[in-house]
Protein backbone atom coordinates (compact mmCIF):
# COMPACT_ATOMS: atom_id res chain seq x y z
CA UNK A 1 -2.85 -21.68 19.78
CA UNK A 2 0.43 -23.53 20.04
CA UNK A 3 -1.28 -26.91 19.45
CA UNK A 4 -2.63 -26.04 15.96
CA UNK A 5 -1.35 -28.05 13.03
CA UNK A 6 1.50 -26.36 11.21
CA UNK A 7 0.29 -25.70 7.67
CA UNK A 8 3.01 -24.78 5.18
CA UNK A 9 0.40 -23.00 3.03
CA UNK A 10 0.46 -20.14 5.54
CA UNK A 11 3.70 -18.56 6.64
CA UNK A 12 4.92 -15.58 8.61
CA UNK A 13 7.29 -13.21 6.75
CA UNK A 14 8.36 -10.53 9.20
CA UNK A 15 5.21 -8.55 10.07
CA UNK A 16 3.29 -10.07 7.13
CA UNK A 17 1.64 -13.38 6.28
CA UNK A 18 1.83 -15.25 2.97
CA UNK A 19 -1.03 -17.56 1.92
CA UNK A 20 -0.76 -20.19 -0.80
CA UNK A 21 -4.20 -20.47 -2.36
CA UNK A 22 -5.72 -22.79 -4.95
CA UNK A 23 -8.55 -20.74 -6.46
CA UNK A 24 -11.63 -22.18 -8.13
CA UNK A 25 -13.43 -19.43 -10.07
CA UNK A 26 -16.99 -19.43 -11.46
CA UNK A 27 -18.43 -21.16 -8.36
CA UNK A 28 -21.91 -20.86 -6.89
CA UNK A 29 -20.61 -18.86 -3.87
CA UNK A 30 -17.48 -17.39 -2.32
CA UNK A 31 -16.11 -19.71 0.34
CA UNK A 32 -13.15 -21.36 2.01
CA UNK A 33 -13.33 -25.05 1.07
CA UNK A 34 -10.41 -26.82 2.70
CA UNK A 35 -6.97 -26.24 4.12
CA UNK A 36 -4.20 -28.72 3.34
CA UNK A 37 -0.50 -28.57 4.00
CA UNK A 38 -0.02 -27.55 0.36
CA UNK A 39 -2.64 -24.80 -0.07
CA UNK A 40 -5.88 -23.21 1.07
CA UNK A 41 -8.72 -24.04 -1.32
CA UNK A 42 -10.97 -21.06 -2.03
CA UNK A 43 -13.96 -20.70 -4.37
CA UNK A 44 -15.20 -17.42 -5.84
CA UNK A 45 -18.21 -16.63 -8.02
CA UNK A 46 -16.30 -14.42 -10.48
CA UNK A 47 -15.12 -15.75 -13.82
CA UNK A 48 -11.39 -15.99 -14.57
CA UNK A 49 -11.48 -13.23 -17.19
CA UNK A 50 -10.15 -9.68 -17.09
CA UNK A 51 -8.73 -10.23 -13.59
CA UNK A 52 -12.25 -10.58 -12.13
CA UNK A 53 -11.53 -13.73 -10.11
CA UNK A 54 -8.37 -12.21 -8.61
CA UNK A 55 -10.25 -9.06 -7.60
CA UNK A 56 -13.06 -11.14 -6.12
CA UNK A 57 -10.53 -13.22 -4.16
CA UNK A 58 -8.95 -10.09 -2.66
CA UNK A 59 -12.40 -8.72 -1.74
CA UNK A 60 -13.45 -12.07 -0.23
CA UNK A 61 -10.27 -12.31 1.86
CA UNK A 62 -10.62 -8.68 2.96
CA UNK A 63 -14.20 -9.28 4.09
CA UNK A 64 -13.42 -12.65 5.68
CA UNK A 65 -10.44 -11.41 7.69
CA UNK A 66 -11.99 -7.98 8.36
CA UNK A 67 -8.95 -6.13 7.00
CA UNK A 68 -8.72 -3.42 4.32
CA UNK A 69 -8.04 -4.53 0.74
CA UNK A 70 -5.00 -2.23 0.76
CA UNK A 71 -3.28 -4.70 3.11
CA UNK A 72 -3.70 -7.56 0.62
CA UNK A 73 -1.46 -8.10 -2.38
CA UNK A 74 -1.38 -10.75 -5.11
CA UNK A 75 2.30 -11.74 -5.13
CA UNK A 76 2.11 -14.40 -7.85
CA UNK A 77 -0.37 -16.49 -9.79
CA UNK A 78 -1.99 -13.69 -11.74
CA UNK A 79 -3.05 -16.10 -14.51
CA UNK A 80 -2.88 -19.35 -12.53
CA UNK A 81 -5.16 -21.20 -10.11
CA UNK A 82 -2.29 -21.29 -7.61
CA UNK A 83 -1.78 -17.90 -5.99
CA UNK A 84 0.45 -16.34 -3.36
CA UNK A 85 -1.28 -13.63 -1.34
CA UNK A 86 0.57 -11.26 0.98
CA UNK A 87 -1.38 -10.00 3.98
CA UNK A 88 0.41 -7.01 5.49
CA UNK A 89 0.74 -6.27 9.21
CA UNK A 90 -0.80 -9.38 10.72
CA UNK A 91 0.26 -12.69 12.22
CA UNK A 92 -0.08 -16.27 11.10
CA UNK A 93 -1.99 -17.46 14.19
CA UNK A 94 -4.70 -14.81 13.80
CA UNK A 95 -5.25 -15.57 10.09
CA UNK A 96 -5.14 -19.35 10.62
CA UNK A 97 -7.66 -19.22 13.47
CA UNK A 98 -10.07 -17.21 11.29
CA UNK A 99 -9.68 -19.69 8.42
CA UNK A 100 -10.25 -22.69 10.68
CA UNK A 101 -13.30 -21.03 12.23
CA UNK A 102 -14.84 -20.39 8.78
CA UNK A 103 -14.15 -23.98 7.70
CA UNK A 104 -16.25 -25.41 10.55
């Protein structure tokens, strides 16, 4: 895994990982769209009202990474398209490899 591109949108913080996500709500399906150095682009079907898109994002990430929702936390971006998500007790390489696999 040492030859993977270093994306600054995903970083290791102790035992946790922080993802920088650009969320597009109200889409036709939930999906990872693209990873850039700046952020991971994610689409969700939920509308950006009453925290629905944020909840759908957490559920989508939980399902995609096969980890409990309790290990995911919205750190910032509650009312913004740009979000910081904390994933507890994991490592950057594992999360990045899952993202890259789903983007194929």
